[in-house]
Amino acid sequence: MKPVSSFVREVIDESEVALTAMAEGYLNFSAYAKRIQSEVQRRAKREVSVGSIVVALCRYEIEARKKHRITPHVRLESISTRSSLVEVTFATSRANKVKLRGLYENPRLVEADVLTVTSGIREISLILPAELQEELLRVFKGEKPTLIAGDLASLTLRFSERYLHVPNTIFALLRPLALNRINIVEVVSTYTEMTVVIAEKDLQAAFGVMSGLARLGRAG
């Protein structure tokens, strides 16, 4: 029979917020034990007292404090923004893959300051300036888009190549936006940058959030 402590660890390890609070020393064990009691009992398939959960949490705290931070401090080198964007999506097909080649032969599209192409298993998604939407549709003439979403903006975050090997870097960059209830429409990343596509109305708020993260990175 597995000990209560193993079930408590399972529950807390699934909560990034609770685990961070424990590691940094501000988790209220009694209140948290009451909160997770029913879940611990469900997994253990037996009655478990709040006191037993508190004891398990106290023992796990020592180990949690020795662990590395779940979210690393990412030092941003620059943040750039672009507004008035549109996302156009087509179904992945042989015909559309052929038409995609023509996109790179179009000078206006190739020279656009923002042009991302994501070719998935079922969809081909393109993000570009709204003024080039009709140009793109001409390239894909005869093919009906499955989505055209306008009034978008992008936030491009640039960072050092060393973060390629740092766990949870992307999570650390997206987390502040999620905590501020900023909806992310798309995420496009390369070796040393990540572009987050959001609604244009959220651009100012998102820039403020990420600028705060950049200041923390410089201080860290």
C-alpha atoms as a PDB file:
ATOM      1  CA  MET A   1       0.000   0.000   0.000  1.00  0.00           C
ATOM      2  CA  LYS A   2       1.421   3.361  -1.035  1.00  0.00           C
ATOM      3  CA  PRO A   3       1.985   5.845   1.795  1.00  0.00           C
ATOM      4  CA  VAL A   4      -0.084   9.011   2.053  1.00  0.00           C
ATOM      5  CA  SER A   5       3.002  11.103   1.328  1.00  0.00           C
ATOM      6  CA  SER A   6       3.266   9.700  -2.204  1.00  0.00           C
ATOM      7  CA  PHE A   7      -0.265  10.812  -3.053  1.00  0.00           C
ATOM      8  CA  VAL A   8       0.329  14.244  -1.520  1.00  0.00           C
ATOM      9  CA  ARG A   9       3.440  14.645  -3.671  1.00  0.00           C
ATOM     10  CA  GLU A  10       1.521  13.650  -6.780  1.00  0.00           C
ATOM     11  CA  VAL A  11      -1.096  16.315  -6.126  1.00  0.00           C
ATOM     12  CA  ILE A  12       1.298  19.148  -5.333  1.00  0.00           C
ATOM     13  CA  ASP A  13       3.635  18.278  -8.212  1.00  0.00           C
ATOM     14  CA  GLU A  14       0.722  18.842 -10.587  1.00  0.00           C
ATOM     15  CA  SER A  15       0.308  22.427  -9.349  1.00  0.00           C
ATOM     16  CA  GLU A  16       3.058  24.806 -10.433  1.00  0.00           C
ATOM     17  CA  VAL A  17       1.643  27.554  -8.224  1.00  0.00           C
ATOM     18  CA  ALA A  18       1.529  25.397  -5.075  1.00  0.00           C
ATOM     19  CA  LEU A  19       4.958  23.869  -5.667  1.00  0.00           C
ATOM     20  CA  THR A  20       6.519  27.302  -6.189  1.00  0.00           C
ATOM     21  CA  ALA A  21       4.807  28.603  -3.038  1.00  0.00           C
ATOM     22  CA  MET A  22       6.178  25.657  -1.057  1.00  0.00           C
ATOM     23  CA  ALA A  23       9.702  26.049  -2.449  1.00  0.00           C
ATOM     24  CA  GLU A  24       9.711  29.758  -1.622  1.00  0.00           C
ATOM     25  CA  GLY A  25       8.261  29.267   1.850  1.00  0.00           C
ATOM     26  CA  TYR A  26       4.858  30.912   1.709  1.00  0.00           C
ATOM     27  CA  LEU A  27       2.484  27.978   1.322  1.00  0.00           C
ATOM     28  CA  ASN A  28      -0.047  27.701   4.178  1.00  0.00           C
ATOM     29  CA  PHE A  29       0.134  23.951   4.873  1.00  0.00           C
ATOM     30  CA  SER A  30      -3.051  23.705   6.951  1.00  0.00           C
ATOM     31  CA  ALA A  31      -5.194  25.562   4.423  1.00  0.00           C
ATOM     32  CA  TYR A  32      -3.688  23.694   1.478  1.00  0.00           C
ATOM     33  CA  ALA A  33      -4.102  20.315   3.214  1.00  0.00           C
ATOM     34  CA  LYS A  34      -7.831  20.988   3.644  1.00  0.00           C
ATOM     35  CA  ARG A  35      -8.065  22.012   0.013  1.00  0.00           C
ATOM     36  CA  ILE A  36      -6.482  18.839  -1.379  1.00  0.00           C
ATOM     37  CA  GLN A  37      -7.841  16.363   1.205  1.00  0.00           C
ATOM     38  CA  SER A  38     -10.636  15.038  -1.025  1.00  0.00           C
ATOM     39  CA  GLU A  39      -8.266  14.537  -3.975  1.00  0.00           C
ATOM     40  CA  VAL A  40      -5.680  12.748  -1.823  1.00  0.00           C
ATOM     41  CA  GLN A  41      -8.422  10.474  -0.452  1.00  0.00           C
ATOM     42  CA  ARG A  42      -9.715   9.764  -3.950  1.00  0.00           C
ATOM     43  CA  ARG A  43      -6.257   8.661  -5.099  1.00  0.00           C
ATOM     44  CA  ALA A  44      -5.457   6.755  -1.932  1.00  0.00           C
ATOM     45  CA  LYS A  45      -8.907   5.133  -1.880  1.00  0.00           C
ATOM     46  CA  ARG A  46      -9.105   5.555   1.873  1.00  0.00           C
ATOM     47  CA  GLU A  47      -9.721   8.166   4.571  1.00  0.00           C
ATOM     48  CA  VAL A  48      -6.790  10.543   5.090  1.00  0.00           C
ATOM     49  CA  SER A  49      -6.726  13.117   7.865  1.00  0.00           C
ATOM     50  CA  VAL A  50      -5.732  16.741   7.311  1.00  0.00           C
ATOM     51  CA  GLY A  51      -2.986  16.246   9.890  1.00  0.00           C
ATOM     52  CA  SER A  52      -1.426  13.417   7.878  1.00  0.00           C
ATOM     53  CA  ILE A  53      -1.390  15.612   4.794  1.00  0.00           C
ATOM     54  CA  VAL A  54       0.237  18.467   6.714  1.00  0.00           C
ATOM     55  CA  VAL A  55       2.987  16.112   7.936  1.00  0.00           C
ATOM     56  CA  ALA A  56       3.588  14.940   4.355  1.00  0.00           C
ATOM     57  CA  LEU A  57       3.788  18.533   3.154  1.00  0.00           C
ATOM     58  CA  CYS A  58       6.282  19.455   5.880  1.00  0.00           C
ATOM     59  CA  ARG A  59       8.537  16.563   4.886  1.00  0.00           C
ATOM     60  CA  TYR A  60       8.312  17.403   1.200  1.00  0.00           C
ATOM     61  CA  GLU A  61       9.112  21.085   1.816  1.00  0.00           C
ATOM     62  CA  ILE A  62      12.783  20.329   2.541  1.00  0.00           C
ATOM     63  CA  GLU A  63      13.168  18.561  -0.797  1.00  0.00           C
ATOM     64  CA  ALA A  64      11.154  21.166  -2.694  1.00  0.00           C
ATOM     65  CA  ARG A  65      13.393  23.978  -1.471  1.00  0.00           C
ATOM     66  CA  LYS A  66      16.452  22.169  -2.824  1.00  0.00           C
ATOM     67  CA  LYS A  67      14.953  21.866  -6.285  1.00  0.00           C
ATOM     68  CA  HIS A  68      15.703  24.375  -9.017  1.00  0.00           C
ATOM     69  CA  ARG A  69      13.072  26.992  -9.803  1.00  0.00           C
ATOM     70  CA  ILE A  70      10.333  25.677 -12.055  1.00  0.00           C
ATOM     71  CA  THR A  71      10.386  28.862 -14.129  1.00  0.00           C
ATOM     72  CA  PRO A  72      13.851  30.232 -14.986  1.00  0.00           C
ATOM     73  CA  HIS A  73      14.632  33.941 -15.146  1.00  0.00           C
ATOM     74  CA  VAL A  74      14.906  34.570 -18.887  1.00  0.00           C
ATOM     75  CA  ARG A  75      17.026  37.561 -19.838  1.00  0.00           C
ATOM     76  CA  LEU A  76      15.361  39.181 -22.856  1.00  0.00           C
ATOM     77  CA  GLU A  77      17.646  40.917 -25.332  1.00  0.00           C
ATOM     78  CA  SER A  78      14.845  42.838 -27.043  1.00  0.00           C
ATOM     79  CA  ILE A  79      11.094  43.107 -27.463  1.00  0.00           C
ATOM     80  CA  SER A  80       9.499  44.262 -30.703  1.00  0.00           C
ATOM     81  CA  THR A  81       5.867  44.673 -31.671  1.00  0.00           C
ATOM     82  CA  ARG A  82       3.855  44.730 -34.885  1.00  0.00           C
ATOM     83  CA  SER A  83       0.188  45.600 -35.263  1.00  0.00           C
ATOM     84  CA  SER A  84      -2.357  45.291 -38.089  1.00  0.00           C
ATOM     85  CA  LEU A  85      -1.724  41.615 -38.734  1.00  0.00           C
ATOM     86  CA  VAL A  86      -3.967  38.889 -40.099  1.00  0.00           C
ATOM     87  CA  GLU A  87      -3.891  35.114 -39.832  1.00  0.00           C
ATOM     88  CA  VAL A  88      -4.989  33.080 -42.844  1.00  0.00           C
ATOM     89  CA  THR A  89      -5.296  29.295 -42.605  1.00  0.00           C
ATOM     90  CA  PHE A  90      -5.734  26.708 -45.344  1.00  0.00           C
ATOM     91  CA  ALA A  91      -6.225  22.961 -45.186  1.00  0.00           C
ATOM     92  CA  THR A  92      -3.064  20.967 -45.789  1.00  0.00           C
ATOM     93  CA  SER A  93      -3.296  19.448 -49.243  1.00  0.00           C
ATOM     94  CA  ARG A  94      -1.022  18.648 -52.166  1.00  0.00           C
ATOM     95  CA  ALA A  95      -2.447  21.615 -54.100  1.00  0.00           C
ATOM     96  CA  ASN A  96      -1.858  24.042 -51.231  1.00  0.00           C
ATOM     97  CA  LYS A  97       1.671  22.791 -50.703  1.00  0.00           C
ATOM     98  CA  VAL A  98       2.385  23.542 -54.335  1.00  0.00           C
ATOM     99  CA  LYS A  99       0.834  27.005 -54.014  1.00  0.00           C
ATOM    100  CA  LEU A 100       2.935  27.601 -50.909  1.00  0.00           C
ATOM    101  CA  ARG A 101       6.041  27.503 -53.078  1.00  0.00           C
ATOM    102  CA  GLY A 102       4.652  30.378 -55.099  1.00  0.00           C
ATOM    103  CA  LEU A 103       4.493  32.495 -51.975  1.00  0.00           C
ATOM    104  CA  TYR A 104       8.292  32.695 -51.907  1.00  0.00           C
ATOM    105  CA  GLU A 105       8.327  33.884 -55.502  1.00  0.00           C
ATOM    106  CA  ASN A 106       6.147  36.887 -54.671  1.00  0.00           C
ATOM    107  CA  PRO A 107       8.405  39.908 -53.874  1.00  0.00           C
ATOM    108  CA  ARG A 108       5.803  41.738 -51.761  1.00  0.00           C
ATOM    109  CA  LEU A 109       5.173  38.727 -49.548  1.00  0.00           C
ATOM    110  CA  VAL A 110       8.806  37.665 -49.222  1.00  0.00           C
ATOM    111  CA  GLU A 111       9.889  41.181 -48.270  1.00  0.00           C
ATOM    112  CA  ALA A 112       7.138  41.672 -45.647  1.00  0.00           C
ATOM    113  CA  ASP A 113       8.474  42.602 -42.221  1.00  0.00           C
ATOM    114  CA  VAL A 114       6.279  39.872 -40.704  1.00  0.00           C
ATOM    115  CA  LEU A 115       5.619  36.587 -42.481  1.00  0.00           C
ATOM    116  CA  THR A 116       5.312  33.319 -40.588  1.00  0.00           C
ATOM    117  CA  VAL A 117       4.345  30.029 -42.188  1.00  0.00           C
ATOM    118  CA  THR A 118       3.417  27.026 -40.072  1.00  0.00           C
ATOM    119  CA  SER A 119       2.755  23.830 -41.985  1.00  0.00           C
ATOM    120  CA  GLY A 120       0.985  21.360 -39.724  1.00  0.00           C
ATOM    121  CA  ILE A 121      -0.480  17.927 -40.311  1.00  0.00           C
ATOM    122  CA  ARG A 122      -3.956  19.271 -41.102  1.00  0.00           C
ATOM    123  CA  GLU A 123      -3.476  23.006 -41.608  1.00  0.00           C
ATOM    124  CA  ILE A 124      -1.164  25.595 -43.132  1.00  0.00           C
ATOM    125  CA  SER A 125      -1.281  28.818 -41.125  1.00  0.00           C
ATOM    126  CA  LEU A 126       0.180  32.125 -42.289  1.00  0.00           C
ATOM    127  CA  ILE A 127       0.516  35.376 -40.359  1.00  0.00           C
ATOM    128  CA  LEU A 128       1.285  38.562 -42.273  1.00  0.00           C
ATOM    129  CA  PRO A 129       0.433  42.275 -42.496  1.00  0.00           C
ATOM    130  CA  ALA A 130      -3.255  42.866 -43.172  1.00  0.00           C
ATOM    131  CA  GLU A 131      -2.469  44.958 -46.255  1.00  0.00           C
ATOM    132  CA  LEU A 132      -0.994  41.847 -47.913  1.00  0.00           C
ATOM    133  CA  GLN A 133      -4.028  39.613 -47.319  1.00  0.00           C
ATOM    134  CA  GLU A 134      -5.370  39.981 -50.869  1.00  0.00           C
ATOM    135  CA  GLU A 135      -1.896  39.330 -52.270  1.00  0.00           C
ATOM    136  CA  LEU A 136      -1.761  36.081 -50.335  1.00  0.00           C
ATOM    137  CA  LEU A 137      -5.244  35.036 -51.447  1.00  0.00           C
ATOM    138  CA  ARG A 138      -4.154  35.543 -55.051  1.00  0.00           C
ATOM    139  CA  VAL A 139      -1.281  33.118 -54.489  1.00  0.00           C
ATOM    140  CA  PHE A 140      -3.801  30.576 -53.154  1.00  0.00           C
ATOM    141  CA  LYS A 141      -6.377  31.392 -55.845  1.00  0.00           C
ATOM    142  CA  GLY A 142      -9.119  28.776 -56.005  1.00  0.00           C
ATOM    143  CA  GLU A 143      -8.501  27.550 -52.439  1.00  0.00           C
ATOM    144  CA  LYS A 144     -10.918  28.574 -49.687  1.00  0.00           C
ATOM    145  CA  PRO A 145      -9.316  29.565 -46.363  1.00  0.00           C
ATOM    146  CA  THR A 146     -10.582  27.716 -43.304  1.00  0.00           C
ATOM    147  CA  LEU A 147      -9.861  30.816 -41.212  1.00  0.00           C
ATOM    148  CA  ILE A 148      -9.211  34.512 -41.710  1.00  0.00           C
ATOM    149  CA  ALA A 149      -8.621  36.302 -38.399  1.00  0.00           C
ATOM    150  CA  GLY A 150      -7.851  40.012 -38.423  1.00  0.00           C
ATOM    151  CA  ASP A 151      -7.122  42.723 -35.849  1.00  0.00           C
ATOM    152  CA  LEU A 152      -4.062  40.855 -34.602  1.00  0.00           C
ATOM    153  CA  ALA A 153      -0.694  41.996 -33.322  1.00  0.00           C
ATOM    154  CA  SER A 154       2.596  40.320 -32.516  1.00  0.00           C
ATOM    155  CA  LEU A 155       5.112  40.539 -29.716  1.00  0.00           C
ATOM    156  CA  THR A 156       8.556  39.171 -30.603  1.00  0.00           C
ATOM    157  CA  LEU A 157      10.880  38.265 -27.738  1.00  0.00           C
ATOM    158  CA  ARG A 158      14.585  37.719 -28.450  1.00  0.00           C
ATOM    159  CA  PHE A 159      16.914  35.872 -26.091  1.00  0.00           C
ATOM    160  CA  SER A 160      20.275  34.142 -25.947  1.00  0.00           C
ATOM    161  CA  GLU A 161      20.898  30.823 -27.688  1.00  0.00           C
ATOM    162  CA  ARG A 162      21.869  29.322 -24.315  1.00  0.00           C
ATOM    163  CA  TYR A 163      18.175  29.048 -23.372  1.00  0.00           C
ATOM    164  CA  LEU A 164      17.764  26.230 -25.884  1.00  0.00           C
ATOM    165  CA  HIS A 165      18.998  23.900 -23.146  1.00  0.00           C
ATOM    166  CA  VAL A 166      17.202  25.554 -20.196  1.00  0.00           C
ATOM    167  CA  PRO A 167      14.011  23.675 -19.201  1.00  0.00           C
ATOM    168  CA  ASN A 168      10.731  25.614 -19.163  1.00  0.00           C
ATOM    169  CA  THR A 169      12.046  28.693 -20.995  1.00  0.00           C
ATOM    170  CA  ILE A 170       8.970  28.910 -23.239  1.00  0.00           C
ATOM    171  CA  PHE A 171       6.716  28.306 -20.235  1.00  0.00           C
ATOM    172  CA  ALA A 172       8.462  31.114 -18.327  1.00  0.00           C
ATOM    173  CA  LEU A 173       7.780  33.528 -21.197  1.00  0.00           C
ATOM    174  CA  LEU A 174       4.143  32.568 -21.702  1.00  0.00           C
ATOM    175  CA  ARG A 175       3.223  32.303 -18.022  1.00  0.00           C
ATOM    176  CA  PRO A 176       3.009  36.089 -17.317  1.00  0.00           C
ATOM    177  CA  LEU A 177       0.600  36.521 -20.236  1.00  0.00           C
ATOM    178  CA  ALA A 178      -1.577  33.670 -18.987  1.00  0.00           C
ATOM    179  CA  LEU A 179      -1.617  35.065 -15.448  1.00  0.00           C
ATOM    180  CA  ASN A 180      -2.806  38.400 -16.851  1.00  0.00           C
ATOM    181  CA  ARG A 181      -5.599  36.710 -18.841  1.00  0.00           C
ATOM    182  CA  ILE A 182      -4.128  37.769 -22.181  1.00  0.00           C
ATOM    183  CA  ASN A 183      -5.362  35.368 -24.844  1.00  0.00           C
ATOM    184  CA  ILE A 184      -2.643  33.917 -27.069  1.00  0.00           C
ATOM    185  CA  VAL A 185      -3.810  33.284 -30.625  1.00  0.00           C
ATOM    186  CA  GLU A 186      -0.590  31.734 -31.946  1.00  0.00           C
ATOM    187  CA  VAL A 187       2.994  31.090 -30.859  1.00  0.00           C
ATOM    188  CA  VAL A 188       5.797  30.905 -33.418  1.00  0.00           C
ATOM    189  CA  SER A 189       9.336  30.235 -32.264  1.00  0.00           C
ATOM    190  CA  THR A 190      12.817  29.940 -33.708  1.00  0.00           C
ATOM    191  CA  TYR A 191      16.232  29.268 -32.189  1.00  0.00           C
ATOM    192  CA  THR A 192      16.579  32.586 -30.360  1.00  0.00           C
ATOM    193  CA  GLU A 193      13.183  34.243 -30.550  1.00  0.00           C
ATOM    194  CA  MET A 194       9.534  33.641 -29.854  1.00  0.00           C
ATOM    195  CA  THR A 195       6.674  35.526 -31.445  1.00  0.00           C
ATOM    196  CA  VAL A 196       3.355  35.620 -29.626  1.00  0.00           C
ATOM    197  CA  VAL A 197       0.327  36.591 -31.692  1.00  0.00           C
ATOM    198  CA  ILE A 198      -2.489  38.233 -29.765  1.00  0.00           C
ATOM    199  CA  ALA A 199      -5.522  40.421 -30.368  1.00  0.00           C
ATOM    200  CA  GLU A 200      -4.480  43.959 -31.250  1.00  0.00           C
ATOM    201  CA  LYS A 201      -6.540  45.306 -28.344  1.00  0.00           C
ATOM    202  CA  ASP A 202      -4.292  43.379 -25.934  1.00  0.00           C
ATOM    203  CA  LEU A 203      -0.975  44.617 -27.361  1.00  0.00           C
ATOM    204  CA  GLN A 204      -0.384  47.455 -24.914  1.00  0.00           C
ATOM    205  CA  ALA A 205      -1.134  45.274 -21.890  1.00  0.00           C
ATOM    206  CA  ALA A 206       1.021  42.426 -23.210  1.00  0.00           C
ATOM    207  CA  PHE A 207       3.934  44.761 -23.903  1.00  0.00           C
ATOM    208  CA  GLY A 208       3.698  46.104 -20.356  1.00  0.00           C
ATOM    209  CA  VAL A 209       3.738  42.585 -18.908  1.00  0.00           C
ATOM    210  CA  MET A 210       6.745  41.472 -20.966  1.00  0.00           C
ATOM    211  CA  SER A 211       8.628  44.713 -20.320  1.00  0.00           C
ATOM    212  CA  GLY A 212       8.287  43.945 -16.613  1.00  0.00           C
ATOM    213  CA  LEU A 213       9.699  40.483 -17.243  1.00  0.00           C
ATOM    214  CA  ALA A 214      12.610  42.004 -19.158  1.00  0.00           C
ATOM    215  CA  ARG A 215      13.417  44.289 -16.217  1.00  0.00           C
ATOM    216  CA  LEU A 216      13.383  41.312 -13.844  1.00  0.00           C
ATOM    217  CA  GLY A 217      15.690  39.429 -16.215  1.00  0.00           C
ATOM    218  CA  ARG A 218      18.198  42.267 -16.254  1.00  0.00           C
ATOM    219  CA  ALA A 219      18.082  42.440 -12.472  1.00  0.00           C
ATOM    220  CA  GLY A 220      18.462  38.679 -12.077  1.00  0.00           C
END
